[in-house]
Amino acid sequence: MKVIEVELEMNGIADITEEVRKFVEESGVEEGAVLVFNVGSTGAITTIEYEPGLKKDFPRIMDRIAPYGENYEHHKTWGDDNGSSHVKSAIVGTSIVVPFKDGKLMLGTWQQIVVVNFDTKKRRRKVILQILKSVY
């Protein structure tokens, strides 16, 4: 297991594909999958084509789905302002599992692994990487 940390602004997105790729290669495991898990309920892990347009489009569309300025019941519970952050995280998800073979991630040509900070302020995101070995 390995923990990586990434500091992100609100709606920040970081490409962590190379860190994941290096972790898999250094594990020495030839075939299996790698779990990529964001610690916390206002961040997310997904795959995307990590290019300037989508880096702008993704947060914009997520804000349409769960707008920041709405009145979320969560705000009444904790007296904070990040209800939309929790909803976005729940929709996108906090983890993915990526298969690998011959020690190489089986990602598409334009597919990168990213961590997203949906919280309403800058956050240091912890991401756990763990190898899942194939048993066959």
N, C-alpha and C. Protein backbone atom coordinates (compact mmCIF):
# COMPACT_ATOMS: atom_id res chain seq x y z
N MET A 1 0.84 -1.18 0.00
CA MET A 1 0.00 0.00 0.00
C MET A 1 0.89 1.25 0.00
N LYS A 2 0.37 2.29 -0.64
CA LYS A 2 1.09 3.56 -0.69
C LYS A 2 0.07 4.68 -0.55
N VAL A 3 0.46 5.75 0.13
CA VAL A 3 -0.38 6.95 0.24
C VAL A 3 0.33 8.08 -0.49
N ILE A 4 -0.40 8.73 -1.41
CA ILE A 4 0.13 9.93 -2.04
C ILE A 4 -0.74 11.10 -1.60
N GLU A 5 -0.16 12.29 -1.56
CA GLU A 5 -0.90 13.47 -1.17
C GLU A 5 -0.81 14.52 -2.27
N VAL A 6 -1.95 15.17 -2.51
CA VAL A 6 -2.03 16.18 -3.56
C VAL A 6 -2.79 17.37 -3.00
N GLU A 7 -2.21 18.55 -3.07
CA GLU A 7 -2.89 19.76 -2.62
C GLU A 7 -3.65 20.38 -3.79
N LEU A 8 -4.94 20.62 -3.59
CA LEU A 8 -5.79 21.12 -4.67
C LEU A 8 -6.67 22.27 -4.20
N GLU A 9 -6.86 23.22 -5.10
CA GLU A 9 -7.81 24.31 -4.87
C GLU A 9 -9.23 23.75 -4.97
N MET A 10 -10.23 24.55 -4.62
CA MET A 10 -11.62 24.17 -4.83
C MET A 10 -11.82 23.86 -6.31
N ASN A 11 -12.48 22.75 -6.60
CA ASN A 11 -12.71 22.26 -7.97
C ASN A 11 -11.42 21.91 -8.70
N GLY A 12 -10.34 21.74 -7.96
CA GLY A 12 -9.07 21.38 -8.58
C GLY A 12 -9.03 19.92 -8.99
N ILE A 13 -8.31 19.66 -10.06
CA ILE A 13 -8.15 18.31 -10.60
C ILE A 13 -6.66 18.07 -10.82
N ALA A 14 -6.18 16.90 -10.39
CA ALA A 14 -4.77 16.57 -10.60
C ALA A 14 -4.65 15.20 -11.23
N ASP A 15 -3.80 15.10 -12.21
CA ASP A 15 -3.49 13.84 -12.89
C ASP A 15 -2.50 13.06 -12.02
N ILE A 16 -2.91 11.88 -11.57
CA ILE A 16 -2.03 11.04 -10.74
C ILE A 16 -1.65 9.74 -11.46
N THR A 17 -1.87 9.71 -12.75
CA THR A 17 -1.62 8.49 -13.52
C THR A 17 -0.19 8.00 -13.37
N GLU A 18 0.78 8.88 -13.46
CA GLU A 18 2.18 8.45 -13.39
C GLU A 18 2.53 7.89 -12.02
N GLU A 19 1.98 8.47 -10.95
CA GLU A 19 2.23 7.93 -9.61
C GLU A 19 1.66 6.52 -9.48
N VAL A 20 0.46 6.32 -10.05
CA VAL A 20 -0.17 5.00 -10.01
C VAL A 20 0.62 4.02 -10.86
N ARG A 21 1.00 4.44 -12.06
CA ARG A 21 1.78 3.60 -12.97
C ARG A 21 3.10 3.16 -12.30
N LYS A 22 3.78 4.08 -11.68
CA LYS A 22 5.05 3.79 -11.02
C LYS A 22 4.84 2.81 -9.86
N PHE A 23 3.78 3.02 -9.09
CA PHE A 23 3.47 2.14 -7.97
C PHE A 23 3.25 0.70 -8.46
N VAL A 24 2.49 0.54 -9.54
CA VAL A 24 2.24 -0.78 -10.10
C VAL A 24 3.54 -1.42 -10.58
N GLU A 25 4.34 -0.67 -11.32
CA GLU A 25 5.60 -1.20 -11.84
C GLU A 25 6.53 -1.63 -10.70
N GLU A 26 6.63 -0.79 -9.66
CA GLU A 26 7.53 -1.08 -8.54
C GLU A 26 7.02 -2.23 -7.67
N SER A 27 5.74 -2.56 -7.77
CA SER A 27 5.19 -3.65 -6.96
C SER A 27 5.75 -5.00 -7.38
N GLY A 28 6.15 -5.11 -8.65
CA GLY A 28 6.64 -6.38 -9.16
C GLY A 28 5.53 -7.37 -9.50
N VAL A 29 4.28 -6.99 -9.28
CA VAL A 29 3.15 -7.86 -9.60
C VAL A 29 2.86 -7.70 -11.09
N GLU A 30 2.73 -8.81 -11.80
CA GLU A 30 2.55 -8.77 -13.25
C GLU A 30 1.10 -8.58 -13.68
N GLU A 31 0.16 -9.14 -12.92
CA GLU A 31 -1.24 -9.09 -13.32
C GLU A 31 -2.13 -8.93 -12.10
N GLY A 32 -3.12 -8.06 -12.24
CA GLY A 32 -4.06 -7.81 -11.15
C GLY A 32 -4.78 -6.50 -11.40
N ALA A 33 -4.98 -5.77 -10.33
CA ALA A 33 -5.63 -4.47 -10.43
C ALA A 33 -5.07 -3.59 -9.32
N VAL A 34 -5.23 -2.30 -9.51
CA VAL A 34 -4.81 -1.37 -8.47
C VAL A 34 -6.04 -0.58 -8.03
N LEU A 35 -6.24 -0.55 -6.73
CA LEU A 35 -7.29 0.25 -6.12
C LEU A 35 -6.74 1.65 -5.91
N VAL A 36 -7.50 2.66 -6.34
CA VAL A 36 -7.12 4.06 -6.14
C VAL A 36 -8.27 4.69 -5.35
N PHE A 37 -8.01 5.07 -4.09
CA PHE A 37 -9.06 5.49 -3.16
C PHE A 37 -8.75 6.85 -2.55
N ASN A 38 -9.69 7.79 -2.67
CA ASN A 38 -9.58 9.10 -2.05
C ASN A 38 -10.10 9.01 -0.62
N VAL A 39 -9.31 9.48 0.34
CA VAL A 39 -9.74 9.53 1.73
C VAL A 39 -10.53 10.82 1.93
N GLY A 40 -11.78 10.70 2.30
CA GLY A 40 -12.62 11.88 2.54
C GLY A 40 -13.83 11.90 1.64
N SER A 41 -14.88 12.57 2.10
CA SER A 41 -16.17 12.55 1.40
C SER A 41 -16.48 13.81 0.60
N THR A 42 -15.45 14.62 0.33
CA THR A 42 -15.64 15.78 -0.55
C THR A 42 -14.65 15.76 -1.72
N GLY A 43 -13.98 14.66 -1.90
CA GLY A 43 -13.08 14.48 -3.03
C GLY A 43 -13.54 13.29 -3.85
N ALA A 44 -12.91 13.06 -4.97
CA ALA A 44 -13.30 11.96 -5.85
C ALA A 44 -12.11 11.47 -6.65
N ILE A 45 -12.27 10.25 -7.16
CA ILE A 45 -11.31 9.65 -8.08
C ILE A 45 -12.08 9.23 -9.32
N THR A 46 -11.55 9.55 -10.49
CA THR A 46 -12.17 9.11 -11.73
C THR A 46 -11.11 9.06 -12.82
N THR A 47 -11.54 8.77 -14.03
CA THR A 47 -10.66 8.87 -15.18
C THR A 47 -11.25 9.91 -16.13
N ILE A 48 -10.38 10.58 -16.84
CA ILE A 48 -10.79 11.62 -17.77
C ILE A 48 -9.65 11.84 -18.76
N GLU A 49 -9.95 12.42 -19.89
CA GLU A 49 -8.88 12.90 -20.75
C GLU A 49 -8.43 14.22 -20.14
N TYR A 50 -7.25 14.21 -19.56
CA TYR A 50 -6.75 15.34 -18.78
C TYR A 50 -6.18 16.40 -19.73
N GLU A 51 -7.08 17.22 -20.26
CA GLU A 51 -6.68 18.28 -21.19
C GLU A 51 -7.38 19.57 -20.76
N PRO A 52 -6.88 20.74 -21.17
CA PRO A 52 -7.39 22.01 -20.67
C PRO A 52 -8.89 22.22 -20.78
N GLY A 53 -9.50 21.80 -21.88
CA GLY A 53 -10.94 22.00 -22.04
C GLY A 53 -11.74 21.21 -21.03
N LEU A 54 -11.42 19.92 -20.89
CA LEU A 54 -12.16 19.08 -19.95
C LEU A 54 -11.87 19.46 -18.50
N LYS A 55 -10.68 19.99 -18.24
CA LYS A 55 -10.37 20.45 -16.88
C LYS A 55 -11.27 21.62 -16.49
N LYS A 56 -11.78 22.36 -17.47
CA LYS A 56 -12.75 23.44 -17.22
C LYS A 56 -14.18 22.91 -17.28
N ASP A 57 -14.46 22.04 -18.25
CA ASP A 57 -15.81 21.52 -18.45
C ASP A 57 -16.30 20.69 -17.26
N PHE A 58 -15.45 19.82 -16.74
CA PHE A 58 -15.87 18.90 -15.69
C PHE A 58 -16.40 19.63 -14.45
N PRO A 59 -15.66 20.58 -13.86
CA PRO A 59 -16.21 21.28 -12.70
C PRO A 59 -17.45 22.11 -13.04
N ARG A 60 -17.50 22.65 -14.23
CA ARG A 60 -18.66 23.46 -14.64
C ARG A 60 -19.92 22.60 -14.69
N ILE A 61 -19.80 21.43 -15.28
CA ILE A 61 -20.95 20.53 -15.37
C ILE A 61 -21.33 19.98 -13.99
N MET A 62 -20.35 19.67 -13.18
CA MET A 62 -20.65 19.19 -11.82
C MET A 62 -21.37 20.27 -11.02
N ASP A 63 -21.04 21.54 -11.25
CA ASP A 63 -21.74 22.63 -10.57
C ASP A 63 -23.19 22.75 -11.03
N ARG A 64 -23.49 22.34 -12.25
CA ARG A 64 -24.88 22.31 -12.71
C ARG A 64 -25.65 21.20 -12.02
N ILE A 65 -24.99 20.09 -11.80
CA ILE A 65 -25.63 18.93 -11.16
C ILE A 65 -25.89 19.20 -9.68
N ALA A 66 -24.90 19.75 -8.99
CA ALA A 66 -25.02 20.03 -7.55
C ALA A 66 -24.44 21.42 -7.29
N PRO A 67 -25.22 22.49 -7.55
CA PRO A 67 -24.71 23.86 -7.44
C PRO A 67 -24.28 24.24 -6.02
N TYR A 68 -23.22 25.01 -5.96
CA TYR A 68 -22.68 25.43 -4.68
C TYR A 68 -23.68 26.26 -3.86
N GLY A 69 -24.41 27.14 -4.46
CA GLY A 69 -25.27 28.08 -3.74
C GLY A 69 -26.60 27.54 -3.25
N GLU A 70 -26.88 26.27 -3.50
CA GLU A 70 -28.15 25.69 -3.06
C GLU A 70 -28.20 25.57 -1.53
N ASN A 71 -29.41 25.41 -1.01
CA ASN A 71 -29.60 25.22 0.42
C ASN A 71 -29.68 23.72 0.70
N TYR A 72 -28.56 23.13 1.10
CA TYR A 72 -28.49 21.70 1.38
C TYR A 72 -28.79 21.45 2.86
N GLU A 73 -29.51 20.38 3.12
CA GLU A 73 -29.82 20.00 4.50
C GLU A 73 -28.53 19.76 5.30
N HIS A 74 -27.50 19.32 4.62
CA HIS A 74 -26.19 19.10 5.26
C HIS A 74 -25.71 20.36 5.99
N HIS A 75 -25.97 21.52 5.44
CA HIS A 75 -25.52 22.77 6.05
C HIS A 75 -26.15 22.96 7.42
N LYS A 76 -27.40 22.54 7.58
CA LYS A 76 -28.09 22.65 8.87
C LYS A 76 -27.49 21.70 9.89
N THR A 77 -27.03 20.56 9.42
CA THR A 77 -26.46 19.56 10.32
C THR A 77 -25.14 20.03 10.92
N TRP A 78 -24.28 20.57 10.07
CA TRP A 78 -22.92 20.90 10.52
C TRP A 78 -22.60 22.39 10.52
N GLY A 79 -23.52 23.22 10.03
CA GLY A 79 -23.25 24.65 10.00
C GLY A 79 -22.15 25.04 9.03
N ASP A 80 -21.98 24.26 7.98
CA ASP A 80 -20.95 24.58 6.98
C ASP A 80 -21.59 24.84 5.63
N ASP A 81 -20.77 24.92 4.59
CA ASP A 81 -21.29 25.30 3.26
C ASP A 81 -20.93 24.31 2.16
N ASN A 82 -20.59 23.07 2.53
CA ASN A 82 -20.08 22.17 1.51
C ASN A 82 -21.01 21.00 1.17
N GLY A 83 -22.30 21.19 1.31
CA GLY A 83 -23.25 20.14 0.94
C GLY A 83 -23.09 19.72 -0.51
N SER A 84 -22.88 20.69 -1.40
CA SER A 84 -22.69 20.35 -2.82
C SER A 84 -21.44 19.50 -3.01
N SER A 85 -20.43 19.72 -2.22
CA SER A 85 -19.18 18.95 -2.32
C SER A 85 -19.41 17.48 -2.02
N HIS A 86 -20.20 17.22 -0.99
CA HIS A 86 -20.50 15.84 -0.62
C HIS A 86 -21.34 15.15 -1.70
N VAL A 87 -22.30 15.87 -2.26
CA VAL A 87 -23.15 15.30 -3.30
C VAL A 87 -22.31 14.95 -4.54
N LYS A 88 -21.45 15.87 -4.96
CA LYS A 88 -20.60 15.63 -6.13
C LYS A 88 -19.69 14.42 -5.91
N SER A 89 -19.09 14.34 -4.73
CA SER A 89 -18.22 13.22 -4.40
C SER A 89 -18.98 11.90 -4.46
N ALA A 90 -20.20 11.90 -3.93
CA ALA A 90 -21.00 10.68 -3.94
C ALA A 90 -21.38 10.26 -5.36
N ILE A 91 -21.63 11.23 -6.22
CA ILE A 91 -22.00 10.93 -7.62
C ILE A 91 -20.80 10.36 -8.38
N VAL A 92 -19.67 11.02 -8.28
CA VAL A 92 -18.48 10.59 -9.04
C VAL A 92 -17.86 9.34 -8.40
N GLY A 93 -17.77 9.33 -7.09
CA GLY A 93 -17.21 8.20 -6.36
C GLY A 93 -15.82 8.48 -5.83
N THR A 94 -15.48 7.79 -4.77
CA THR A 94 -14.19 8.03 -4.11
C THR A 94 -13.12 7.03 -4.48
N SER A 95 -13.45 6.07 -5.37
CA SER A 95 -12.42 5.11 -5.75
C SER A 95 -12.69 4.52 -7.13
N ILE A 96 -11.63 3.99 -7.70
CA ILE A 96 -11.71 3.20 -8.93
C ILE A 96 -10.75 2.02 -8.79
N VAL A 97 -10.97 1.02 -9.60
CA VAL A 97 -10.07 -0.12 -9.69
C VAL A 97 -9.64 -0.22 -11.15
N VAL A 98 -8.33 -0.20 -11.36
CA VAL A 98 -7.78 -0.24 -12.72
C VAL A 98 -7.00 -1.55 -12.91
N PRO A 99 -7.39 -2.35 -13.90
CA PRO A 99 -6.65 -3.60 -14.14
C PRO A 99 -5.28 -3.32 -14.76
N PHE A 100 -4.37 -4.26 -14.54
CA PHE A 100 -3.08 -4.18 -15.22
C PHE A 100 -2.63 -5.58 -15.61
N LYS A 101 -1.83 -5.63 -16.66
CA LYS A 101 -1.29 -6.88 -17.16
C LYS A 101 0.15 -6.64 -17.58
N ASP A 102 1.00 -7.60 -17.35
CA ASP A 102 2.44 -7.45 -17.63
C ASP A 102 2.99 -6.20 -16.94
N GLY A 103 2.43 -5.88 -15.78
CA GLY A 103 2.91 -4.73 -15.00
C GLY A 103 2.50 -3.38 -15.56
N LYS A 104 1.59 -3.37 -16.56
CA LYS A 104 1.18 -2.12 -17.22
C LYS A 104 -0.32 -1.87 -17.03
N LEU A 105 -0.66 -0.63 -16.68
CA LEU A 105 -2.06 -0.25 -16.53
C LEU A 105 -2.79 -0.42 -17.86
N MET A 106 -4.01 -0.89 -17.79
CA MET A 106 -4.80 -1.11 -19.01
C MET A 106 -5.76 0.07 -19.22
N LEU A 107 -5.18 1.24 -19.38
CA LEU A 107 -5.94 2.46 -19.63
C LEU A 107 -6.01 2.73 -21.13
N GLY A 108 -7.04 3.45 -21.54
CA GLY A 108 -7.14 3.89 -22.92
C GLY A 108 -6.10 4.95 -23.23
N THR A 109 -5.88 5.20 -24.50
CA THR A 109 -4.86 6.15 -24.95
C THR A 109 -4.99 7.52 -24.28
N TRP A 110 -6.19 8.03 -24.17
CA TRP A 110 -6.41 9.37 -23.64
C TRP A 110 -7.02 9.35 -22.24
N GLN A 111 -6.87 8.24 -21.55
CA GLN A 111 -7.51 8.06 -20.24
C GLN A 111 -6.48 8.21 -19.13
N GLN A 112 -6.67 9.24 -18.29
CA GLN A 112 -5.80 9.45 -17.15
C GLN A 112 -6.60 9.30 -15.86
N ILE A 113 -5.90 8.93 -14.80
CA ILE A 113 -6.49 8.80 -13.47
C ILE A 113 -6.33 10.15 -12.78
N VAL A 114 -7.45 10.67 -12.25
CA VAL A 114 -7.40 11.98 -11.61
C VAL A 114 -8.04 11.95 -10.23
N VAL A 115 -7.54 12.84 -9.37
CA VAL A 115 -8.16 13.12 -8.08
C VAL A 115 -8.78 14.51 -8.19
N VAL A 116 -9.98 14.65 -7.64
CA VAL A 116 -10.73 15.91 -7.73
C VAL A 116 -11.06 16.40 -6.33
N ASN A 117 -10.88 17.68 -6.09
CA ASN A 117 -11.30 18.30 -4.83
C ASN A 117 -12.58 19.08 -5.06
N PHE A 118 -13.69 18.57 -4.56
CA PHE A 118 -14.97 19.28 -4.68
C PHE A 118 -15.24 20.19 -3.48
N ASP A 119 -14.39 20.16 -2.47
CA ASP A 119 -14.67 20.96 -1.28
C ASP A 119 -14.64 22.45 -1.60
N THR A 120 -15.18 23.25 -0.70
CA THR A 120 -15.33 24.68 -0.94
C THR A 120 -14.07 25.47 -0.61
N LYS A 121 -13.01 24.77 -0.30
CA LYS A 121 -11.72 25.42 -0.05
C LYS A 121 -10.59 24.48 -0.44
N LYS A 122 -9.40 25.01 -0.41
CA LYS A 122 -8.20 24.24 -0.72
C LYS A 122 -8.09 23.07 0.25
N ARG A 123 -7.71 21.90 -0.28
CA ARG A 123 -7.55 20.70 0.54
C ARG A 123 -6.32 19.91 0.10
N ARG A 124 -5.71 19.27 1.08
CA ARG A 124 -4.64 18.30 0.78
C ARG A 124 -5.33 16.94 0.75
N ARG A 125 -5.42 16.37 -0.45
CA ARG A 125 -6.10 15.10 -0.64
C ARG A 125 -5.13 13.94 -0.45
N LYS A 126 -5.53 12.98 0.36
CA LYS A 126 -4.77 11.74 0.53
C LYS A 126 -5.41 10.68 -0.35
N VAL A 127 -4.58 10.01 -1.12
CA VAL A 127 -5.04 8.97 -2.02
C VAL A 127 -4.27 7.69 -1.68
N ILE A 128 -5.02 6.63 -1.43
CA ILE A 128 -4.44 5.34 -1.10
C ILE A 128 -4.38 4.49 -2.37
N LEU A 129 -3.21 3.90 -2.60
CA LEU A 129 -3.02 2.96 -3.71
C LEU A 129 -2.78 1.58 -3.11
N GLN A 130 -3.47 0.59 -3.63
CA GLN A 130 -3.28 -0.77 -3.12
C GLN A 130 -3.40 -1.77 -4.26
N ILE A 131 -2.45 -2.69 -4.31
CA ILE A 131 -2.44 -3.73 -5.36
C ILE A 131 -3.42 -4.84 -4.98
N LEU A 132 -4.21 -5.26 -5.94
CA LEU A 132 -5.11 -6.40 -5.80
C LEU A 132 -4.57 -7.47 -6.76
N LYS A 133 -3.98 -8.51 -6.22
CA LYS A 133 -3.36 -9.53 -7.04
C LYS A 133 -4.40 -10.45 -7.67
N SER A 134 -4.11 -10.84 -8.89
CA SER A 134 -4.95 -11.82 -9.56
C SER A 134 -4.67 -13.20 -8.96
N VAL A 135 -5.75 -13.96 -8.76
CA VAL A 135 -5.56 -15.27 -8.15
C VAL A 135 -5.56 -16.41 -9.17
N TYR A 136 -5.75 -16.11 -10.43
CA TYR A 136 -5.70 -17.17 -11.44
C TYR A 136 -4.40 -17.12 -12.17
